Every structure is written in structure tokens, then in C-alpha cells.
């Protein structure tokens, strides 16, 4: 599963609806909180904390309302090495991403 998320400050995040339909999932080091729709399995956002950013929300850009295909196609992409929990460095190989 790919994760195309935009990192936003907690004060910039507002869940408008559907909280009762979300389940929380944690894996690995149990630091990040991933929220999953109990009906379809989509992961709309997660909450994490990093020494560099502090607490932040990772919002799946494909779950945003009113974003056009053109806006998504023009959005910048930053690759990070989540496989090795090295979030400040891109992986050596990105062709498969």
C-alpha cells in the first residue's frame, strides 16, 4: 500500500465526519496512530510525532475533497525510506515507488 500523505500541524487538521467509522491501528514501534475506515479499509490519515516536526498529522491526499486530477498530478513528491525507519532520507531506489 502506498502512502501519499501531506504532513500538517494538528491545528491545521479537522475531521469533518466519519469518526465513528474509523478504527485505530498501530504496528512496528507502536509510535504512529493509523486510522482505517472499518468499511472499506482506506487509511485517510495518521498521527505521529518526530523529533524534527513534533506532533503532526499525515493526511492521505487522495482522501481530500475537491482536489482535481491536475492538482494531484502537479503536487510535489518526496520519497522517504520508511522501510528502514529513516524518514529524513530517500531510499536509494525509487523506480518501484
Protein backbone atom coordinates (compact mmCIF):
# COMPACT_ATOMS: atom_id res chain seq x y z
CA UNK A 1 0.00 0.00 0.00
CA UNK A 2 1.43 3.34 -0.94
CA UNK A 3 1.30 6.27 1.40
CA UNK A 4 0.96 9.63 -0.32
CA UNK A 5 0.49 11.84 2.68
CA UNK A 6 0.81 15.54 3.37
CA UNK A 7 2.22 16.37 6.80
CA UNK A 8 0.16 19.01 8.58
CA UNK A 9 0.20 20.56 12.04
CA UNK A 10 -2.50 19.33 14.44
CA UNK A 11 -4.01 22.82 14.47
CA UNK A 12 -4.49 22.60 10.68
CA UNK A 13 -6.37 19.29 10.76
CA UNK A 14 -10.10 18.96 11.24
CA UNK A 15 -12.04 15.73 10.77
CA UNK A 16 -15.46 16.78 9.47
CA UNK A 17 -17.31 13.46 9.59
CA UNK A 18 -16.96 9.72 9.96
CA UNK A 19 -15.05 9.42 13.24
CA UNK A 20 -17.30 6.55 14.40
CA UNK A 21 -16.39 4.63 11.23
CA UNK A 22 -12.64 4.67 11.92
CA UNK A 23 -10.53 2.06 13.66
CA UNK A 24 -7.07 2.78 15.03
CA UNK A 25 -4.16 0.58 14.02
CA UNK A 26 -0.56 0.60 15.28
CA UNK A 27 2.32 -1.53 14.09
CA UNK A 28 6.07 -1.84 14.48
CA UNK A 29 7.28 0.54 17.17
CA UNK A 30 3.66 1.48 18.02
CA UNK A 31 4.52 5.21 17.75
CA UNK A 32 2.24 6.15 14.89
CA UNK A 33 -1.54 6.00 15.08
CA UNK A 34 -3.07 4.98 11.75
CA UNK A 35 -6.79 5.41 11.24
CA UNK A 36 -8.58 2.98 8.93
CA UNK A 37 -12.15 3.01 7.62
CA UNK A 38 -13.87 -0.03 9.11
CA UNK A 39 -15.97 -0.45 5.95
CA UNK A 40 -13.53 -0.10 3.06
CA UNK A 41 -10.03 -0.26 4.58
CA UNK A 42 -8.86 3.14 3.34
CA UNK A 43 -6.33 4.91 5.56
CA UNK A 44 -7.34 8.59 5.44
CA UNK A 45 -4.83 9.90 8.00
CA UNK A 46 -2.49 9.09 10.82
CA UNK A 47 -0.94 10.86 13.78
CA UNK A 48 2.77 10.71 14.53
CA UNK A 49 5.50 12.50 16.44
CA UNK A 50 9.03 13.13 15.26
CA UNK A 51 11.94 14.92 16.91
CA UNK A 52 12.17 17.27 13.93
CA UNK A 53 8.47 18.06 13.40
CA UNK A 54 6.88 17.34 16.75
CA UNK A 55 3.34 16.02 16.51
CA UNK A 56 1.88 16.03 13.01
CA UNK A 57 -0.93 14.50 11.01
CA UNK A 58 -0.18 12.59 7.82
CA UNK A 59 -3.23 13.15 5.63
CA UNK A 60 -3.73 10.97 2.57
CA UNK A 61 -4.01 13.45 -0.30
CA UNK A 62 -6.23 11.07 -2.25
CA UNK A 63 -8.87 11.37 0.51
CA UNK A 64 -9.15 15.15 0.24
CA UNK A 65 -12.41 16.52 -1.08
CA UNK A 66 -12.43 18.76 -4.15
CA UNK A 67 -8.85 18.09 -5.30
CA UNK A 68 -8.64 17.85 -9.07
CA UNK A 69 -6.59 15.33 -11.04
CA UNK A 70 -4.48 18.24 -12.29
CA UNK A 71 -3.71 19.37 -8.72
CA UNK A 72 -2.72 15.84 -7.71
CA UNK A 73 -0.56 15.45 -10.82
CA UNK A 74 1.24 18.71 -10.02
CA UNK A 75 1.80 18.02 -6.33
CA UNK A 76 5.43 17.56 -5.29
CA UNK A 77 6.52 14.09 -4.20
CA UNK A 78 9.22 13.47 -1.60
CA UNK A 79 10.38 9.88 -1.23
CA UNK A 80 11.30 8.70 2.27
CA UNK A 81 12.81 5.45 3.48
CA UNK A 82 10.04 4.14 5.70
CA UNK A 83 11.22 0.55 5.21
CA UNK A 84 14.26 1.36 7.38
CA UNK A 85 12.50 3.92 9.58
CA UNK A 86 14.74 6.62 8.09
CA UNK A 87 12.21 9.33 7.35
CA UNK A 88 14.72 12.09 6.56
CA UNK A 89 16.50 10.29 3.71
CA UNK A 90 15.09 9.00 0.42
CA UNK A 91 15.64 5.33 -0.41
CA UNK A 92 18.46 4.54 -2.81
CA UNK A 93 15.98 3.03 -5.31
CA UNK A 94 12.68 4.73 -6.15
CA UNK A 95 11.73 3.27 -9.54
CA UNK A 96 9.29 0.80 -7.97
CA UNK A 97 7.57 3.54 -5.98
